[in-house]
């Protein structure tokens, strides 16, 4: 059977460990969700920052193109001459973020900073998106990505129509290569194992840190969905839905998209799941370490607390076992009696019980001694009385025998007197007796009367003697009962003494 100390310690340890584990689990659940929300919120901020940077970059290019357009209109440089060529060359050299500035004319000719360029016959500028939209719209237009006929790479074009007196002069264009956007994206790595990319509104990759996903003439453009193994997996962090993918390199990553409002493109930010989970793993490790430390401290404190609680209880149990063995010589320990709690109250109660038992035993000893003395005195009196009764019985018996002899002799005398009376009566009847004889007869009659009277007395005395003898027998029986009662009292006293002697006080 487990001791109360063991049970107290075990129960306290279980409560402490359970509380620590529950607190750790709840804390981890709350903190993990918060960390995930904060992490993905930070990723969204980074994505928006990149989007703002790219949008700002395009806005800057748009503003530079507006300035170029204004300068061309102001200087009348929109007709093809050397001044226009030199000016376009100057602008190209001062803006390294573009491939080149140029003007496309309706006759399918181009003028650049390097001079005139006439494309192949199968190239019709008026069918190009950037040309058509610039003519049909007022302001600067950003084209969709396309393959540059001169350079062979993926580019986009900023374009604006040049009008003079409501006549189309041409379209001012600025080609921008995707390599520059890729360089911008490569500068952003929010954390280890993450990268950013750009996809157009059809999901085609425009910029990616891995060159094999960029445009190549022999394979064309790569759709972003094709580089993810097994597609997207929706994951909910609180009320936030995220996409988790198995990326091209076999790593699990979360994907966050931010839309570029001016073009419909998207900036994608891919971050490794392990990078997101690493703060959580650190929290788990710290939580486990903290749990172990708190558990160790709790167990130690539980042992101390358990001992402090169980020690008085064990001491009380031992003290009660000692009392159960008729031993009340030991005093309850003062260190427990002095406590100002239930333990102290219990040991003070033990002291009161022991004191009461000791007083009771002392009183019981006194009563037992008195009973023993009374029993002895009663036995002595009973013995003496018994002896007196025996002597009285013997005397009564002797008197009875003597009375019997006397009664026999009186009976004999009575017979003689009766015989004598009969003879005298016969003599009287025969007139043989004289006056002297009559006097003797009279005396004999008187003697006979006295004799009869004496006989009656003797009969009464005999009856009284028999009554005395009967009373003596009854008294003998009473004395025997008294003697038996005395013996019982003596035995009771001995038994009480036996019980008292078993107490060690």
Protein backbone atom coordinates (compact mmCIF):
# COMPACT_ATOMS: atom_id res chain seq x y z
CA UNK A 1 0.00 0.00 0.00
CA UNK A 2 1.40 3.40 -0.98
CA UNK A 3 2.08 5.79 1.86
CA UNK A 4 0.23 9.08 2.04
CA UNK A 5 3.55 10.84 1.47
CA UNK A 6 4.03 9.02 -1.82
CA UNK A 7 0.48 9.72 -2.90
CA UNK A 8 0.72 13.41 -1.99
CA UNK A 9 4.01 13.78 -3.87
CA UNK A 10 2.75 11.80 -6.87
CA UNK A 11 -0.53 13.71 -7.04
CA UNK A 12 1.20 17.07 -6.67
CA UNK A 13 3.74 16.16 -9.35
CA UNK A 14 0.99 15.10 -11.72
CA UNK A 15 -0.93 18.32 -11.08
CA UNK A 16 2.20 20.46 -11.58
CA UNK A 17 3.33 18.60 -14.70
CA UNK A 18 -0.19 18.60 -16.12
CA UNK A 19 -0.58 22.33 -15.45
CA UNK A 20 2.81 23.10 -17.01
CA UNK A 21 2.07 20.97 -20.08
CA UNK A 22 -1.39 22.49 -20.52
CA UNK A 23 0.01 26.00 -20.11
CA UNK A 24 2.82 25.23 -22.55
CA UNK A 25 0.43 23.73 -25.09
CA UNK A 26 -2.02 26.62 -24.85
CA UNK A 27 0.81 29.15 -24.98
CA UNK A 28 2.34 27.38 -27.98
CA UNK A 29 -1.01 27.30 -29.77
CA UNK A 30 -1.54 31.03 -29.21
CA UNK A 31 2.05 32.06 -29.94
CA UNK A 32 2.38 29.77 -32.97
CA UNK A 33 -0.69 31.28 -34.63
CA UNK A 34 0.51 34.78 -33.78
CA UNK A 35 3.97 34.07 -35.16
CA UNK A 36 2.53 32.57 -38.32
CA UNK A 37 0.17 35.51 -38.76
CA UNK A 38 3.00 37.98 -38.11
CA UNK A 39 5.35 36.08 -40.41
CA UNK A 40 2.90 35.98 -43.28
CA UNK A 41 1.90 39.54 -42.55
CA UNK A 42 5.57 40.48 -42.88
CA UNK A 43 5.72 38.56 -46.15
CA UNK A 44 2.72 40.50 -47.39
CA UNK A 45 4.42 43.72 -46.41
CA UNK A 46 7.55 42.65 -48.28
CA UNK A 47 5.48 41.71 -51.32
CA UNK A 48 3.66 45.03 -51.20
CA UNK A 49 6.99 46.82 -50.78
CA UNK A 50 8.36 45.10 -53.87
CA UNK A 51 5.16 45.88 -55.72
CA UNK A 52 5.42 49.50 -54.66
CA UNK A 53 9.08 49.58 -55.66
CA UNK A 54 8.36 48.14 -59.08
CA UNK A 55 5.33 50.35 -59.53
CA UNK A 56 7.41 53.28 -58.40
CA UNK A 57 10.09 52.29 -60.88
CA UNK A 58 7.57 52.12 -63.69
CA UNK A 59 6.09 55.43 -62.55
CA UNK A 60 9.59 56.88 -62.70
CA UNK A 61 10.05 55.51 -66.20
CA UNK A 62 6.66 56.89 -67.15
CA UNK A 63 7.60 60.30 -65.82
CA UNK A 64 10.93 60.21 -67.67
CA UNK A 65 9.08 59.27 -70.83
CA UNK A 66 6.63 62.14 -70.28
CA UNK A 67 9.60 64.49 -69.96
CA UNK A 68 11.09 63.04 -73.16
CA UNK A 69 7.75 63.43 -74.93
CA UNK A 70 7.45 67.05 -73.77
CA UNK A 71 11.01 67.80 -74.88
CA UNK A 72 10.37 66.28 -78.30
CA UNK A 73 7.21 68.32 -78.75
CA UNK A 74 8.89 71.47 -77.47
CA UNK A 75 11.94 71.10 -79.74
CA UNK A 76 10.05 69.65 -82.69
CA UNK A 77 12.37 66.67 -82.62
CA UNK A 78 9.69 64.23 -83.67
CA UNK A 79 10.71 64.35 -87.35
CA UNK A 80 13.64 62.20 -88.28
CA UNK A 81 16.92 64.18 -88.20
CA UNK A 82 20.34 63.98 -86.63
CA UNK A 83 19.30 66.10 -83.69
CA UNK A 84 16.60 63.58 -82.77
CA UNK A 85 19.06 60.71 -83.12
CA UNK A 86 21.57 62.44 -80.89
CA UNK A 87 18.92 63.35 -78.36
CA UNK A 88 17.61 59.78 -78.19
CA UNK A 89 21.19 58.52 -77.81
CA UNK A 90 21.71 60.98 -74.96
CA UNK A 91 18.57 59.79 -73.22
CA UNK A 92 19.54 56.15 -73.67
CA UNK A 93 22.90 56.70 -72.06
CA UNK A 94 21.35 58.54 -69.10
CA UNK A 95 18.78 55.85 -68.35
CA UNK A 96 20.40 52.45 -67.88
CA UNK A 97 17.10 50.89 -66.79
CA UNK A 98 15.76 50.74 -70.35
CA UNK A 99 17.03 49.04 -73.47
CA UNK A 100 16.44 52.07 -75.71
CA UNK A 101 14.14 54.93 -76.62
CA UNK A 102 12.80 55.12 -80.16
CA UNK A 103 10.02 56.47 -82.39
CA UNK A 104 8.01 54.15 -84.64
CA UNK A 105 6.47 55.79 -87.69
CA UNK A 106 3.37 54.67 -89.55
CA UNK A 107 5.47 53.76 -92.58
CA UNK A 108 7.00 50.91 -90.55
CA UNK A 109 10.31 52.69 -89.98
CA UNK A 110 12.07 53.34 -86.66
CA UNK A 111 14.49 55.96 -85.45
CA UNK A 112 16.72 55.22 -82.43
CA UNK A 113 19.75 56.67 -80.78
CA UNK A 114 21.83 54.72 -83.28
CA UNK A 115 19.97 55.91 -86.35
CA UNK A 116 17.27 54.59 -88.62
CA UNK A 117 16.06 50.99 -88.56
CA UNK A 118 13.84 49.34 -91.12
CA UNK A 119 12.40 45.98 -89.97
CA UNK A 120 11.71 43.01 -92.20
CA UNK A 121 8.74 43.09 -94.54
CA UNK A 122 6.80 40.66 -92.41
CA UNK A 123 7.01 43.06 -89.47
CA UNK A 124 4.09 45.47 -89.35
CA UNK A 125 4.39 48.02 -86.58
CA UNK A 126 0.73 48.99 -86.83
CA UNK A 127 -0.23 45.49 -85.65
CA UNK A 128 1.87 45.65 -82.49
CA UNK A 129 -0.03 45.94 -79.21
CA UNK A 130 2.10 48.75 -77.85
CA UNK A 131 1.59 50.76 -81.09
CA UNK A 132 -2.14 50.13 -81.41
CA UNK A 133 -2.95 50.90 -77.76
CA UNK A 134 -0.83 54.03 -77.78
CA UNK A 135 -2.71 55.33 -80.82
CA UNK A 136 -6.09 54.40 -79.42
CA UNK A 137 -5.46 55.77 -75.93
CA UNK A 138 -4.36 59.06 -74.58
CA UNK A 139 -1.27 58.94 -72.40
CA UNK A 140 1.39 56.31 -71.82
CA UNK A 141 0.56 52.64 -72.27
CA UNK A 142 2.42 49.61 -70.85
CA UNK A 143 2.35 46.61 -73.16
CA UNK A 144 2.15 42.96 -72.30
CA UNK A 145 5.44 41.05 -72.28
CA UNK A 146 6.55 39.93 -75.76
CA UNK A 147 9.62 38.70 -77.59
CA UNK A 148 11.77 41.50 -78.91
CA UNK A 149 12.45 41.15 -82.62
CA UNK A 150 15.91 42.72 -82.33
CA UNK A 151 17.25 41.32 -79.06
CA UNK A 152 15.31 38.05 -78.79
CA UNK A 153 14.46 38.51 -75.13
CA UNK A 154 11.24 39.18 -73.24
CA UNK A 155 10.52 42.87 -73.00
CA UNK A 156 7.69 45.29 -72.27
CA UNK A 157 7.21 48.62 -73.97
CA UNK A 158 6.11 51.98 -72.66
CA UNK A 159 4.51 53.83 -75.57
CA UNK A 160 2.78 57.12 -76.31
CA UNK A 161 1.41 58.46 -79.58
CA UNK A 162 2.85 61.74 -80.98
CA UNK A 163 0.21 63.94 -82.58
CA UNK A 164 0.65 67.21 -84.40
CA UNK A 165 -2.41 69.12 -85.52
CA UNK A 166 -4.46 65.96 -85.03
CA UNK A 167 -2.15 64.06 -87.34
CA UNK A 168 -0.31 60.99 -86.09
CA UNK A 169 3.40 61.57 -86.39
CA UNK A 170 4.47 58.32 -84.77
CA UNK A 171 4.65 56.46 -81.46
CA UNK A 172 7.35 57.15 -78.88
CA UNK A 173 8.46 53.86 -77.30
CA UNK A 174 10.81 52.67 -74.55
CA UNK A 175 11.73 48.98 -74.38
CA UNK A 176 12.36 47.56 -70.93
CA UNK A 177 13.99 44.18 -70.50
CA UNK A 178 12.77 41.69 -67.87
CA UNK A 179 16.37 41.12 -66.78
CA UNK A 180 16.28 44.43 -64.98
CA UNK A 181 13.15 43.46 -63.06
CA UNK A 182 14.83 40.17 -62.24
CA UNK A 183 17.81 42.04 -60.81
CA UNK A 184 15.46 44.10 -58.68
CA UNK A 185 13.78 40.96 -57.37
CA UNK A 186 17.10 39.23 -56.72
CA UNK A 187 18.04 42.02 -54.33
CA UNK A 188 15.20 40.98 -52.07
CA UNK A 189 15.63 37.82 -49.99
CA UNK A 190 13.53 38.37 -46.85
CA UNK A 191 14.94 35.23 -45.22
CA UNK A 192 17.05 32.20 -45.94
CA UNK A 193 15.56 29.87 -48.55
CA UNK A 194 13.11 32.46 -49.94
CA UNK A 195 12.91 34.23 -53.28
CA UNK A 196 10.67 36.55 -55.27
CA UNK A 197 9.41 36.27 -58.85
CA UNK A 198 7.13 38.09 -61.26
CA UNK A 199 4.37 36.53 -63.35
CA UNK A 200 2.14 38.22 -65.88
CA UNK A 201 -1.65 38.14 -65.87
CA UNK A 202 -1.52 34.77 -67.68
CA UNK A 203 0.77 33.21 -65.06
CA UNK A 204 3.86 33.28 -67.30
CA UNK A 205 7.11 33.86 -65.46
CA UNK A 206 8.73 37.19 -66.30
CA UNK A 207 11.41 37.24 -63.61
CA UNK A 208 12.75 34.38 -61.53
CA UNK A 209 16.06 33.71 -59.72
CA UNK A 210 16.37 30.40 -61.56
CA UNK A 211 17.30 31.09 -65.18
CA UNK A 212 15.86 27.84 -66.49
CA UNK A 213 12.34 29.22 -65.92
CA UNK A 214 13.01 32.37 -67.96
CA UNK A 215 12.17 32.75 -71.63
CA UNK A 216 14.25 30.86 -74.15
CA UNK A 217 13.58 30.90 -77.85
CA UNK A 218 13.59 27.15 -78.11
CA UNK A 219 11.05 26.58 -75.29
CA UNK A 220 9.18 29.83 -74.90
CA UNK A 221 7.81 31.09 -71.58
CA UNK A 222 7.24 28.99 -68.46
CA UNK A 223 3.96 29.07 -66.58
CA UNK A 224 4.44 29.46 -62.84
CA UNK A 225 2.06 26.60 -61.99
CA UNK A 226 4.25 24.15 -63.91
CA UNK A 227 7.24 24.58 -61.62
CA UNK A 228 5.31 23.49 -58.50
CA UNK A 229 5.15 19.75 -57.85
CA UNK A 230 1.62 18.50 -57.14
CA UNK A 231 0.14 21.98 -57.44
CA UNK A 232 -1.13 24.15 -54.59
CA UNK A 233 -2.23 23.04 -51.12
CA UNK A 234 -4.48 25.39 -49.20
CA UNK A 235 -3.43 26.02 -45.60
CA UNK A 236 -5.41 28.09 -43.11
CA UNK A 237 -3.58 30.15 -40.49
CA UNK A 238 -6.42 31.42 -38.35
CA UNK A 239 -8.82 32.90 -40.93
CA UNK A 240 -6.01 33.44 -43.42
CA UNK A 241 -5.79 31.11 -46.42
CA UNK A 242 -2.32 30.46 -47.80
CA UNK A 243 -0.93 28.36 -50.61
CA UNK A 244 1.70 25.78 -49.78
CA UNK A 245 3.60 24.12 -52.61
CA UNK A 246 6.28 21.56 -53.15
CA UNK A 247 8.67 23.73 -55.09
CA UNK A 248 10.86 22.82 -58.07
CA UNK A 249 13.81 22.02 -55.76
CA UNK A 250 11.77 19.65 -53.56
CA UNK A 251 11.41 22.15 -50.70
CA UNK A 252 8.02 22.98 -49.21
CA UNK A 253 7.32 26.68 -49.48
CA UNK A 254 4.49 29.09 -48.82
CA UNK A 255 3.54 31.31 -51.77
CA UNK A 256 2.24 34.84 -51.35
CA UNK A 257 1.02 36.87 -54.35
CA UNK A 258 0.63 40.63 -54.62
CA UNK A 259 -0.98 42.22 -57.65
CA UNK A 260 0.69 45.04 -59.56
CA UNK A 261 -2.28 47.27 -60.16
CA UNK A 262 -1.00 49.14 -63.22
CA UNK A 263 -0.34 46.01 -65.29
CA UNK A 264 -2.24 43.09 -63.84
CA UNK A 265 1.04 41.31 -63.13
CA UNK A 266 1.75 39.54 -59.81
CA UNK A 267 4.75 39.52 -57.56
CA UNK A 268 5.17 36.14 -55.94
CA UNK A 269 7.10 35.60 -52.75
CA UNK A 270 8.13 32.03 -51.90
CA UNK A 271 9.41 31.25 -48.40
CA UNK A 272 10.50 27.88 -47.06
CA UNK A 273 8.18 26.23 -44.61
CA UNK A 274 11.13 25.45 -42.35
CA UNK A 275 12.06 29.13 -42.28
CA UNK A 276 8.53 29.95 -41.18
CA UNK A 277 8.49 27.13 -38.67
CA UNK A 278 11.97 27.81 -37.27
CA UNK A 279 10.67 30.43 -34.78
CA UNK A 280 8.04 27.92 -33.75
CA UNK A 281 10.68 25.22 -33.41
CA UNK A 282 12.71 27.54 -31.21
CA UNK A 283 9.61 28.21 -29.16
CA UNK A 284 9.02 24.46 -28.87
CA UNK A 285 12.62 23.87 -27.83
CA UNK A 286 12.49 26.72 -25.32
CA UNK A 287 9.09 25.50 -24.10
CA UNK A 288 10.44 21.97 -23.62
CA UNK A 289 13.50 23.31 -21.80
CA UNK A 290 11.32 25.58 -19.67
CA UNK A 291 8.95 22.66 -19.01
CA UNK A 292 11.83 20.47 -17.89
CA UNK A 293 13.19 23.22 -15.63
CA UNK A 294 9.77 24.00 -14.16
CA UNK A 295 9.02 20.31 -13.79
CA UNK A 296 12.30 19.76 -11.95
CA UNK A 297 11.61 22.73 -9.69
CA UNK A 298 8.02 21.59 -9.20
CA UNK A 299 9.08 18.05 -8.34
CA UNK A 300 11.66 19.37 -5.87
CA UNK A 301 9.16 21.72 -4.27
CA UNK A 302 6.58 18.93 -4.29
CA UNK A 303 8.96 16.64 -2.40
CA UNK A 304 9.60 19.37 0.16
CA UNK A 305 5.90 20.21 0.42
CA UNK A 306 4.90 16.55 0.43
CA UNK A 307 7.32 15.78 3.23
CA UNK A 308 6.16 18.79 5.23
CA UNK A 309 2.55 17.62 4.89
CA UNK A 310 3.12 13.88 5.18
CA UNK A 311 5.62 13.97 8.06
CA UNK A 312 3.11 15.21 10.67
CA UNK A 313 0.49 12.77 9.35
CA UNK A 314 2.96 9.89 9.54
CA UNK A 315 4.01 11.01 13.02
CA UNK A 316 0.34 11.14 14.04
CA UNK A 317 -0.25 7.64 12.66
CA UNK A 318 2.78 6.29 14.56
CA UNK A 319 1.61 7.99 17.74
CA UNK A 320 -1.87 6.49 17.38
CA UNK A 321 -0.32 3.04 16.80
CA UNK A 322 1.70 3.51 20.00
CA UNK A 323 -1.46 4.45 21.90
CA UNK A 324 -3.18 1.41 20.41
CA UNK A 325 -0.47 -0.67 22.08
CA UNK A 326 -1.52 0.69 25.56
CA UNK A 327 1.55 2.93 25.64
CA UNK A 328 0.83 6.51 26.68
CA UNK A 329 4.23 7.26 28.16
CA UNK A 330 5.38 9.22 25.10
CA UNK A 331 4.48 12.87 24.80
CA UNK A 332 3.34 14.36 21.43
CA UNK A 333 6.25 16.28 19.89
CA UNK A 334 6.30 19.96 20.68
CA UNK A 335 7.36 20.91 17.12
CA UNK A 336 4.00 19.73 15.84
CA UNK A 337 1.94 21.04 18.76
CA UNK A 338 3.35 24.52 18.19
CA UNK A 339 2.07 24.73 14.59
CA UNK A 340 -0.72 27.24 14.03
CA UNK A 341 -2.75 25.03 11.73
CA UNK A 342 -4.80 21.84 11.72
CA UNK A 343 -1.66 19.78 12.40
CA UNK A 344 -1.01 21.72 15.58
CA UNK A 345 -4.67 21.37 16.60
CA UNK A 346 -4.50 17.60 16.03
CA UNK A 347 -1.37 17.11 18.16
CA UNK A 348 -2.77 19.33 20.92
CA UNK A 349 -5.85 17.08 20.85
CA UNK A 350 -3.54 14.05 21.18
CA UNK A 351 -2.03 15.67 24.25
CA UNK A 352 -5.47 16.26 25.77
CA UNK A 353 -6.46 12.64 25.05
CA UNK A 354 -3.29 11.30 26.66
CA UNK A 355 -3.73 13.54 29.70
CA UNK A 356 -7.35 12.44 30.03
CA UNK A 357 -6.39 8.77 29.72
CA UNK A 358 -3.72 9.19 32.37
CA UNK A 359 -6.15 10.86 34.76
CA UNK A 360 -8.72 8.16 34.04
CA UNK A 361 -6.21 5.40 34.69
CA UNK A 362 -5.15 7.03 37.96
CA UNK A 363 -8.79 7.34 39.04
CA UNK A 364 -9.38 3.76 37.93
CA UNK A 365 -6.41 2.60 39.98
CA UNK A 366 -7.83 4.35 43.04
CA UNK A 367 -11.28 2.81 42.48
CA UNK A 368 -9.73 -0.60 41.90
CA UNK A 369 -7.74 -0.31 45.13
CA UNK A 370 -10.90 0.62 47.02
CA UNK A 371 -12.80 -2.26 45.44
CA UNK A 372 -9.97 -4.62 46.35
CA UNK A 373 -9.93 -3.39 49.97
CA UNK A 374 -13.71 -3.59 50.20
CA UNK A 375 -13.65 -7.06 48.67
CA UNK A 376 -11.01 -8.20 51.16
CA UNK A 377 -12.91 -6.72 54.10
CA UNK A 378 -16.14 -8.25 52.86
CA UNK A 379 -14.43 -11.59 52.46
CA UNK A 380 -13.06 -11.38 56.00
CA UNK A 381 -16.46 -10.43 57.42
CA UNK A 382 -18.13 -13.14 55.39
CA UNK A 383 -15.61 -15.70 56.59
CA UNK A 384 -16.01 -14.64 60.22
CA UNK A 385 -19.79 -14.59 59.94
CA UNK A 386 -19.71 -17.96 58.28
CA UNK A 387 -17.68 -19.35 61.13
CA UNK A 388 -20.08 -17.84 63.69
CA UNK A 389 -23.00 -19.34 61.83
CA UNK A 390 -21.28 -22.70 61.79
CA UNK A 391 -20.68 -22.44 65.57
CA UNK A 392 -24.31 -21.42 66.12
CA UNK A 393 -25.42 -24.32 63.98
CA UNK A 394 -23.33 -26.71 66.02
CA UNK A 395 -24.64 -25.25 69.28
CA UNK A 396 -28.17 -25.35 67.98
CA UNK A 397 -27.66 -28.93 66.89
CA UNK A 398 -26.34 -29.86 70.35
CA UNK A 399 -29.24 -28.10 72.01
CA UNK A 400 -31.59 -29.93 69.70
CA UNK A 401 -30.07 -33.25 70.68
CA UNK A 402 -30.25 -32.35 74.38
CA UNK A 403 -33.81 -31.22 73.96
CA UNK A 404 -34.54 -34.50 72.27
CA UNK A 405 -33.12 -36.44 75.25
CA UNK A 406 -35.04 -34.24 77.67
CA UNK A 407 -38.20 -34.73 75.65
CA UNK A 408 -37.61 -38.47 75.77
CA UNK A 409 -37.14 -38.39 79.53
CA UNK A 410 -40.21 -36.18 79.95
CA UNK A 411 -42.12 -38.62 77.85
CA UNK A 412 -40.98 -41.44 80.08
CA UNK A 413 -41.99 -39.49 83.16
CA UNK A 414 -45.30 -38.76 81.50
CA UNK A 415 -45.86 -42.47 80.97
CA UNK A 416 -44.96 -43.23 84.60
CA UNK A 417 -47.23 -40.52 85.87
CA UNK A 418 -50.04 -41.69 83.66
CA UNK A 419 -49.52 -45.26 84.89
CA UNK A 420 -49.45 -44.00 88.45
CA UNK A 421 -52.56 -41.96 87.81
CA UNK A 422 -54.40 -44.95 86.51
CA UNK A 423 -53.47 -47.02 89.56
CA UNK A 424 -54.54 -44.25 91.90
CA UNK A 425 -57.80 -43.89 90.04
CA UNK A 426 -58.42 -47.62 90.45
CA UNK A 427 -57.62 -47.41 94.16
CA UNK A 428 -59.94 -44.51 94.57
CA UNK A 429 -62.67 -46.38 92.84
CA UNK A 430 -62.04 -49.36 95.11
CA UNK A 431 -61.89 -47.10 98.20
CA UNK A 432 -58.52 -48.52 99.04
CA UNK A 433 -56.76 -45.11 99.42
CA UNK A 434 -57.20 -42.94 102.52
CA UNK A 435 -57.11 -39.24 103.02
CA UNK A 436 -53.33 -39.13 102.95
CA UNK A 437 -53.45 -40.92 99.75
CA UNK A 438 -55.96 -38.47 98.36
CA UNK A 439 -53.61 -35.66 99.27
CA UNK A 440 -50.86 -37.48 97.41
CA UNK A 441 -53.24 -37.98 94.51
CA UNK A 442 -53.96 -34.27 94.53
CA UNK A 443 -50.30 -33.48 94.50
CA UNK A 444 -49.75 -35.95 91.72
CA UNK A 445 -52.45 -34.26 89.74
CA UNK A 446 -50.77 -30.93 90.34
CA UNK A 447 -47.45 -32.47 89.29
CA UNK A 448 -49.09 -33.87 86.19
CA UNK A 449 -50.54 -30.43 85.34
CA UNK A 450 -47.15 -28.82 85.82
CA UNK A 451 -45.61 -31.62 83.81
CA UNK A 452 -48.08 -31.05 80.94
CA UNK A 453 -47.42 -27.36 81.14
CA UNK A 454 -43.67 -28.04 81.06
CA UNK A 455 -44.20 -30.37 78.15
CA UNK A 456 -46.02 -27.66 76.24
CA UNK A 457 -43.15 -25.29 76.95
CA UNK A 458 -40.67 -27.85 75.75
CA UNK A 459 -42.69 -28.35 72.57
CA UNK A 460 -42.73 -24.60 72.00
CA UNK A 461 -38.99 -24.38 72.73
CA UNK A 462 -38.40 -27.22 70.28
CA UNK A 463 -40.34 -25.41 67.59
CA UNK A 464 -38.44 -22.18 68.25
CA UNK A 465 -35.16 -24.06 68.10
CA UNK A 466 -36.17 -25.50 64.77
CA UNK A 467 -36.98 -21.95 63.55
CA UNK A 468 -33.60 -20.68 64.72
CA UNK A 469 -31.90 -23.55 62.93
CA UNK A 470 -33.84 -22.74 59.76
CA UNK A 471 -32.85 -19.06 60.07
CA UNK A 472 -29.22 -20.10 60.52
CA UNK A 473 -29.41 -22.14 57.32
CA UNK A 474 -30.86 -19.19 55.46
CA UNK A 475 -28.16 -16.92 56.88
CA UNK A 476 -25.58 -19.45 55.77
CA UNK A 477 -26.95 -19.28 52.22
CA UNK A 478 -26.88 -15.47 52.34
CA UNK A 479 -23.29 -15.49 53.54
CA UNK A 480 -22.35 -17.90 50.79
CA UNK A 481 -23.84 -15.47 48.26
CA UNK A 482 -21.96 -12.60 49.92
CA UNK A 483 -18.77 -14.65 49.72
CA UNK A 484 -19.46 -15.35 46.04
CA UNK A 485 -20.07 -11.64 45.43
CA UNK A 486 -16.87 -10.85 47.28
CA UNK A 487 -15.04 -13.30 45.06
CA UNK A 488 -16.53 -11.63 41.96
CA UNK A 489 -15.42 -8.22 43.24
CA UNK A 490 -11.96 -9.60 43.84
CA UNK A 491 -11.83 -11.07 40.35
CA UNK A 492 -13.13 -7.77 38.88
CA UNK A 493 -10.43 -5.88 40.74
CA UNK A 494 -7.79 -8.27 39.45
CA UNK A 495 -9.09 -7.88 35.90
CA UNK A 496 -9.08 -4.08 36.21
CA UNK A 497 -5.56 -4.23 37.55
CA UNK A 498 -4.62 -6.43 34.62
CA UNK A 499 -6.00 -3.86 32.13
CA UNK A 500 -4.40 -0.99 34.01
CA UNK A 501 -1.07 -2.79 34.05
CA UNK A 502 -1.22 -3.03 30.25
CA UNK A 503 -1.13 0.78 29.99
CA UNK A 504 2.37 2.19 29.96
CA UNK A 505 1.89 5.52 31.61
